[in-house]
PDB file of all heavy atoms in Angstrom:
ATOM      1  N   CYS A   1     137.430   5.277 -18.070  1.00  0.00           N
ATOM      2  CA  CYS A   1     137.988   4.024 -18.665  1.00  0.00           C
ATOM      3  C   CYS A   1     137.240   2.834 -18.236  1.00  0.00           C
ATOM      4  O   CYS A   1     136.626   2.767 -17.179  1.00  0.00           O
ATOM      5  CB  CYS A   1     139.476   3.917 -18.292  1.00  0.00           C
ATOM      6  SG  CYS A   1     140.547   5.260 -18.832  1.00  0.00           S
ATOM      7  N   THR A   2     137.345   1.806 -19.063  1.00  0.00           N
ATOM      8  CA  THR A   2     136.831   0.515 -18.582  1.00  0.00           C
ATOM      9  C   THR A   2     137.911  -0.113 -17.773  1.00  0.00           C
ATOM     10  O   THR A   2     139.051  -0.362 -18.219  1.00  0.00           O
ATOM     11  CB  THR A   2     136.577  -0.424 -19.808  1.00  0.00           C
ATOM     12  OG1 THR A   2     135.490   0.129 -20.620  1.00  0.00           O
ATOM     13  CG2 THR A   2     136.094  -1.822 -19.333  1.00  0.00           C
ATOM     14  N   VAL A   3     137.629  -0.346 -16.523  1.00  0.00           N
ATOM     15  CA  VAL A   3     138.623  -0.832 -15.513  1.00  0.00           C
ATOM     16  C   VAL A   3     138.283  -2.331 -15.096  1.00  0.00           C
ATOM     17  O   VAL A   3     137.213  -2.566 -14.579  1.00  0.00           O
ATOM     18  CB  VAL A   3     138.689   0.048 -14.313  1.00  0.00           C
ATOM     19  CG1 VAL A   3     139.694  -0.468 -13.287  1.00  0.00           C
ATOM     20  CG2 VAL A   3     139.051   1.484 -14.680  1.00  0.00           C
ATOM     21  N   ILE A   4     139.271  -3.128 -15.376  1.00  0.00           N
ATOM     22  CA  ILE A   4     139.116  -4.572 -14.913  1.00  0.00           C
ATOM     23  C   ILE A   4     139.871  -4.695 -13.580  1.00  0.00           C
ATOM     24  O   ILE A   4     141.126  -4.512 -13.557  1.00  0.00           O
ATOM     25  CB  ILE A   4     139.677  -5.575 -15.923  1.00  0.00           C
ATOM     26  CG1 ILE A   4     139.004  -5.350 -17.265  1.00  0.00           C
ATOM     27  CG2 ILE A   4     139.585  -6.947 -15.424  1.00  0.00           C
ATOM     28  CD1 ILE A   4     139.629  -6.185 -18.425  1.00  0.00           C
ATOM     29  N   LYS A   5     139.187  -4.918 -12.498  1.00  0.00           N
ATOM     30  CA  LYS A   5     139.790  -5.107 -11.164  1.00  0.00           C
ATOM     31  C   LYS A   5     140.033  -6.536 -10.959  1.00  0.00           C
ATOM     32  O   LYS A   5     139.014  -7.354 -10.881  1.00  0.00           O
ATOM     33  CB  LYS A   5     138.943  -4.488 -10.114  1.00  0.00           C
ATOM     34  CG  LYS A   5     138.545  -3.032 -10.309  1.00  0.00           C
ATOM     35  CD  LYS A   5     137.538  -2.614  -9.261  1.00  0.00           C
ATOM     36  CE  LYS A   5     136.954  -1.290  -9.592  1.00  0.00           C
ATOM     37  NZ  LYS A   5     135.922  -0.794  -8.635  1.00  0.00           N
ATOM     38  N   THR A   6     141.230  -6.953 -10.819  1.00  0.00           N
ATOM     39  CA  THR A   6     141.476  -8.419 -10.793  1.00  0.00           C
ATOM     40  C   THR A   6     142.773  -8.732  -9.976  1.00  0.00           C
ATOM     41  O   THR A   6     143.694  -7.882  -9.826  1.00  0.00           O
ATOM     42  CB  THR A   6     141.711  -8.929 -12.270  1.00  0.00           C
ATOM     43  OG1 THR A   6     142.203 -10.290 -12.214  1.00  0.00           O
ATOM     44  CG2 THR A   6     142.712  -8.102 -12.996  1.00  0.00           C
ATOM     45  N   ALA A   7     142.762  -9.953  -9.412  1.00  0.00           N
ATOM     46  CA  ALA A   7     143.955 -10.469  -8.707  1.00  0.00           C
ATOM     47  C   ALA A   7     145.074 -10.840  -9.666  1.00  0.00           C
ATOM     48  O   ALA A   7     146.198 -11.035  -9.299  1.00  0.00           O
ATOM     49  CB  ALA A   7     143.615 -11.527  -7.810  1.00  0.00           C
ATOM     50  N   ASN A   8     144.740 -10.942 -10.959  1.00  0.00           N
ATOM     51  CA  ASN A   8     145.749 -11.436 -11.949  1.00  0.00           C
ATOM     52  C   ASN A   8     145.757 -10.494 -13.164  1.00  0.00           C
ATOM     53  O   ASN A   8     145.451 -10.935 -14.261  1.00  0.00           O
ATOM     54  CB  ASN A   8     145.429 -12.850 -12.394  1.00  0.00           C
ATOM     55  CG  ASN A   8     145.477 -13.836 -11.223  1.00  0.00           C
ATOM     56  OD1 ASN A   8     146.513 -14.046 -10.576  1.00  0.00           O
ATOM     57  ND2 ASN A   8     144.332 -14.368 -10.870  1.00  0.00           N
ATOM     58  N   PRO A   9     146.133  -9.231 -13.013  1.00  0.00           N
ATOM     59  CA  PRO A   9     146.074  -8.256 -14.090  1.00  0.00           C
ATOM     60  C   PRO A   9     146.977  -8.672 -15.314  1.00  0.00           C
ATOM     61  O   PRO A   9     146.691  -8.274 -16.391  1.00  0.00           O
ATOM     62  CB  PRO A   9     146.498  -6.938 -13.483  1.00  0.00           C
ATOM     63  CG  PRO A   9     147.297  -7.347 -12.309  1.00  0.00           C
ATOM     64  CD  PRO A   9     146.693  -8.599 -11.794  1.00  0.00           C
ATOM     65  N   LEU A  10     148.130  -9.309 -15.026  1.00  0.00           N
ATOM     66  CA  LEU A  10     149.046  -9.646 -16.060  1.00  0.00           C
ATOM     67  C   LEU A  10     148.393 -10.613 -17.147  1.00  0.00           C
ATOM     68  O   LEU A  10     148.880 -10.591 -18.327  1.00  0.00           O
ATOM     69  CB  LEU A  10     150.323 -10.253 -15.525  1.00  0.00           C
ATOM     70  CG  LEU A  10     151.066  -9.417 -14.458  1.00  0.00           C
ATOM     71  CD1 LEU A  10     152.394 -10.092 -14.138  1.00  0.00           C
ATOM     72  CD2 LEU A  10     151.346  -7.973 -15.022  1.00  0.00           C
ATOM     73  N   ASP A  11     147.393 -11.320 -16.731  1.00  0.00           N
ATOM     74  CA  ASP A  11     146.791 -12.245 -17.668  1.00  0.00           C
ATOM     75  C   ASP A  11     146.035 -11.523 -18.769  1.00  0.00           C
ATOM     76  O   ASP A  11     145.647 -12.115 -19.736  1.00  0.00           O
ATOM     77  CB  ASP A  11     145.743 -13.166 -16.935  1.00  0.00           C
ATOM     78  CG  ASP A  11     146.421 -14.068 -15.931  1.00  0.00           C
ATOM     79  OD1 ASP A  11     147.671 -14.272 -16.032  1.00  0.00           O
ATOM     80  OD2 ASP A  11     145.769 -14.645 -15.048  1.00  0.00           O
ATOM     81  N   HIS A  12     145.793 -10.200 -18.595  1.00  0.00           N
ATOM     82  CA  HIS A  12     144.985  -9.450 -19.537  1.00  0.00           C
ATOM     83  C   HIS A  12     145.866  -8.627 -20.496  1.00  0.00           C
ATOM     84  O   HIS A  12     145.306  -7.713 -21.256  1.00  0.00           O
ATOM     85  CB  HIS A  12     144.064  -8.513 -18.824  1.00  0.00           C
ATOM     86  CG  HIS A  12     143.022  -9.206 -17.976  1.00  0.00           C
ATOM     87  ND1 HIS A  12     141.776  -9.565 -18.412  1.00  0.00           N
ATOM     88  CD2 HIS A  12     143.128  -9.657 -16.664  1.00  0.00           C
ATOM     89  CE1 HIS A  12     141.172 -10.136 -17.451  1.00  0.00           C
ATOM     90  NE2 HIS A  12     141.920 -10.248 -16.347  1.00  0.00           N
ATOM     91  N   ALA A  13     147.117  -8.965 -20.621  1.00  0.00           N
ATOM     92  CA  ALA A  13     148.013  -8.141 -21.402  1.00  0.00           C
ATOM     93  C   ALA A  13     147.631  -8.060 -22.893  1.00  0.00           C
ATOM     94  O   ALA A  13     147.961  -7.055 -23.559  1.00  0.00           O
ATOM     95  CB  ALA A  13     149.454  -8.672 -21.295  1.00  0.00           C
ATOM     96  N   ASP A  14     146.975  -9.050 -23.430  1.00  0.00           N
ATOM     97  CA  ASP A  14     146.629  -9.033 -24.855  1.00  0.00           C
ATOM     98  C   ASP A  14     145.301  -8.293 -25.182  1.00  0.00           C
ATOM     99  O   ASP A  14     144.991  -8.089 -26.354  1.00  0.00           O
ATOM    100  CB  ASP A  14     146.579 -10.468 -25.388  1.00  0.00           C
ATOM    101  CG  ASP A  14     147.863 -11.182 -25.282  1.00  0.00           C
ATOM    102  OD1 ASP A  14     148.900 -10.569 -25.505  1.00  0.00           O
ATOM    103  OD2 ASP A  14     147.856 -12.394 -24.920  1.00  0.00           O
ATOM    104  N   GLU A  15     144.629  -7.881 -24.116  1.00  0.00           N
ATOM    105  CA  GLU A  15     143.289  -7.335 -24.362  1.00  0.00           C
ATOM    106  C   GLU A  15     143.062  -5.935 -23.849  1.00  0.00           C
ATOM    107  O   GLU A  15     141.999  -5.379 -23.890  1.00  0.00           O
ATOM    108  CB  GLU A  15     142.222  -8.300 -23.774  1.00  0.00           C
ATOM    109  CG  GLU A  15     142.406  -8.498 -22.278  1.00  0.00           C
ATOM    110  CD  GLU A  15     141.464  -9.612 -21.739  1.00  0.00           C
ATOM    111  OE1 GLU A  15     141.834 -10.766 -21.808  1.00  0.00           O
ATOM    112  OE2 GLU A  15     140.363  -9.216 -21.272  1.00  0.00           O
ATOM    113  N   VAL A  16     144.023  -5.331 -23.086  1.00  0.00           N
ATOM    114  CA  VAL A  16     143.888  -4.037 -22.521  1.00  0.00           C
ATOM    115  C   VAL A  16     144.963  -3.089 -23.075  1.00  0.00           C
ATOM    116  O   VAL A  16     146.005  -3.488 -23.611  1.00  0.00           O
ATOM    117  CB  VAL A  16     143.983  -4.110 -20.989  1.00  0.00           C
ATOM    118  CG1 VAL A  16     142.838  -4.946 -20.423  1.00  0.00           C
ATOM    119  CG2 VAL A  16     145.306  -4.633 -20.529  1.00  0.00           C
ATOM    120  N   ASP A  17     144.756  -1.804 -22.798  1.00  0.00           N
ATOM    121  CA  ASP A  17     145.702  -0.778 -23.223  1.00  0.00           C
ATOM    122  C   ASP A  17     146.760  -0.532 -22.163  1.00  0.00           C
ATOM    123  O   ASP A  17     147.853  -0.004 -22.496  1.00  0.00           O
ATOM    124  CB  ASP A  17     144.963   0.544 -23.456  1.00  0.00           C
ATOM    125  CG  ASP A  17     143.913   0.434 -24.513  1.00  0.00           C
ATOM    126  OD1 ASP A  17     144.196  -0.143 -25.577  1.00  0.00           O
ATOM    127  OD2 ASP A  17     142.794   0.827 -24.324  1.00  0.00           O
ATOM    128  N   ALA A  18     146.449  -0.923 -20.908  1.00  0.00           N
ATOM    129  CA  ALA A  18     147.462  -0.745 -19.832  1.00  0.00           C
ATOM    130  C   ALA A  18     147.128  -1.679 -18.709  1.00  0.00           C
ATOM    131  O   ALA A  18     145.997  -2.029 -18.473  1.00  0.00           O
ATOM    132  CB  ALA A  18     147.502   0.734 -19.377  1.00  0.00           C
ATOM    133  N   ILE A  19     148.220  -2.065 -18.030  1.00  0.00           N
ATOM    134  CA  ILE A  19     148.118  -2.866 -16.765  1.00  0.00           C
ATOM    135  C   ILE A  19     148.812  -2.086 -15.686  1.00  0.00           C
ATOM    136  O   ILE A  19     149.884  -1.527 -15.908  1.00  0.00           O
ATOM    137  CB  ILE A  19     148.779  -4.198 -16.939  1.00  0.00           C
ATOM    138  CG1 ILE A  19     147.961  -5.117 -17.866  1.00  0.00           C
ATOM    139  CG2 ILE A  19     148.886  -4.921 -15.585  1.00  0.00           C
ATOM    140  CD1 ILE A  19     148.587  -6.433 -18.179  1.00  0.00           C
ATOM    141  N   VAL A  20     148.088  -1.909 -14.557  1.00  0.00           N
ATOM    142  CA  VAL A  20     148.650  -1.161 -13.438  1.00  0.00           C
ATOM    143  C   VAL A  20     148.859  -2.144 -12.239  1.00  0.00           C
ATOM    144  O   VAL A  20     147.939  -2.761 -11.763  1.00  0.00           O
ATOM    145  CB  VAL A  20     147.704  -0.016 -13.020  1.00  0.00           C
ATOM    146  CG1 VAL A  20     148.330   0.754 -11.913  1.00  0.00           C
ATOM    147  CG2 VAL A  20     147.430   0.863 -14.178  1.00  0.00           C
ATOM    148  N   VAL A  21     150.112  -2.229 -11.738  1.00  0.00           N
ATOM    149  CA  VAL A  21     150.421  -3.008 -10.552  1.00  0.00           C
ATOM    150  C   VAL A  21     151.348  -2.222  -9.632  1.00  0.00           C
ATOM    151  O   VAL A  21     152.030  -1.239 -10.058  1.00  0.00           O
ATOM    152  CB  VAL A  21     151.041  -4.339 -10.875  1.00  0.00           C
ATOM    153  CG1 VAL A  21     150.128  -5.225 -11.746  1.00  0.00           C
ATOM    154  CG2 VAL A  21     152.435  -4.136 -11.581  1.00  0.00           C
ATOM    155  N   SER A  22     151.346  -2.602  -8.410  1.00  0.00           N
ATOM    156  CA  SER A  22     152.304  -2.033  -7.450  1.00  0.00           C
ATOM    157  C   SER A  22     153.243  -3.222  -7.054  1.00  0.00           C
ATOM    158  O   SER A  22     152.806  -4.308  -6.804  1.00  0.00           O
ATOM    159  CB  SER A  22     151.666  -1.459  -6.196  1.00  0.00           C
ATOM    160  OG  SER A  22     150.827  -0.361  -6.530  1.00  0.00           O
ATOM    161  N   ASN A  23     154.498  -2.933  -6.917  1.00  0.00           N
ATOM    162  CA  ASN A  23     155.494  -3.974  -6.610  1.00  0.00           C
ATOM    163  C   ASN A  23     156.626  -3.402  -5.746  1.00  0.00           C
ATOM    164  O   ASN A  23     157.446  -2.652  -6.193  1.00  0.00           O
ATOM    165  CB  ASN A  23     156.065  -4.535  -7.903  1.00  0.00           C
ATOM    166  CG  ASN A  23     156.755  -5.855  -7.660  1.00  0.00           C
ATOM    167  OD1 ASN A  23     156.396  -6.620  -6.860  1.00  0.00           O
ATOM    168  ND2 ASN A  23     157.837  -6.098  -8.456  1.00  0.00           N
ATOM    169  N   PRO A  24     156.560  -3.762  -4.432  1.00  0.00           N
ATOM    170  CA  PRO A  24     155.640  -4.627  -3.645  1.00  0.00           C
ATOM    171  C   PRO A  24     154.319  -3.882  -3.597  1.00  0.00           C
ATOM    172  O   PRO A  24     154.202  -2.620  -3.655  1.00  0.00           O
ATOM    173  CB  PRO A  24     156.267  -4.660  -2.295  1.00  0.00           C
ATOM    174  CG  PRO A  24     157.726  -4.310  -2.446  1.00  0.00           C
ATOM    175  CD  PRO A  24     157.711  -3.305  -3.587  1.00  0.00           C
ATOM    176  N   ASN A  25     153.265  -4.693  -3.392  1.00  0.00           N
ATOM    177  CA  ASN A  25     151.938  -4.139  -3.469  1.00  0.00           C
ATOM    178  C   ASN A  25     151.536  -3.608  -2.085  1.00  0.00           C
ATOM    179  O   ASN A  25     152.008  -4.054  -1.056  1.00  0.00           O
ATOM    180  CB  ASN A  25     150.903  -5.235  -3.849  1.00  0.00           C
ATOM    181  CG  ASN A  25     149.521  -4.712  -4.045  1.00  0.00           C
ATOM    182  OD1 ASN A  25     149.342  -3.656  -4.660  1.00  0.00           O
ATOM    183  ND2 ASN A  25     148.472  -5.333  -3.552  1.00  0.00           N
ATOM    184  N   ASN A  26     150.681  -2.628  -2.120  1.00  0.00           N
ATOM    185  CA  ASN A  26     150.097  -1.972  -0.894  1.00  0.00           C
ATOM    186  C   ASN A  26     148.596  -2.225  -0.973  1.00  0.00           C
ATOM    187  O   ASN A  26     147.990  -1.852  -1.974  1.00  0.00           O
ATOM    188  CB  ASN A  26     150.411  -0.504  -0.920  1.00  0.00           C
ATOM    189  CG  ASN A  26     149.714   0.259   0.192  1.00  0.00           C
ATOM    190  OD1 ASN A  26     149.268  -0.301   1.192  1.00  0.00           O
ATOM    191  ND2 ASN A  26     149.545   1.576  -0.016  1.00  0.00           N
ATOM    192  N   PRO A  27     147.943  -2.957  -0.044  1.00  0.00           N
ATOM    193  CA  PRO A  27     148.426  -3.163   1.319  1.00  0.00           C
ATOM    194  C   PRO A  27     148.929  -4.585   1.708  1.00  0.00           C
ATOM    195  O   PRO A  27     149.317  -4.812   2.826  1.00  0.00           O
ATOM    196  CB  PRO A  27     147.184  -2.863   2.213  1.00  0.00           C
ATOM    197  CG  PRO A  27     146.053  -3.463   1.332  1.00  0.00           C
ATOM    198  CD  PRO A  27     146.509  -3.177  -0.118  1.00  0.00           C
ATOM    199  N   ASP A  28     148.911  -5.484   0.743  1.00  0.00           N
ATOM    200  CA  ASP A  28     149.204  -6.910   1.122  1.00  0.00           C
ATOM    201  C   ASP A  28     150.646  -7.333   0.909  1.00  0.00           C
ATOM    202  O   ASP A  28     151.014  -8.479   1.255  1.00  0.00           O
ATOM    203  CB  ASP A  28     148.213  -7.878   0.388  1.00  0.00           C
ATOM    204  CG  ASP A  28     148.374  -7.827  -1.137  1.00  0.00           C
ATOM    205  OD1 ASP A  28     149.270  -7.138  -1.641  1.00  0.00           O
ATOM    206  OD2 ASP A  28     147.542  -8.450  -1.794  1.00  0.00           O
TER     207      ASP A  28
END
């Protein structure tokens, strides 16, 4: 897959097929 690694993945909701986040995030 084309993977965009970013601190703000939610900003890409209109241009990707999926967004993956952890909540709370590991490790920060």
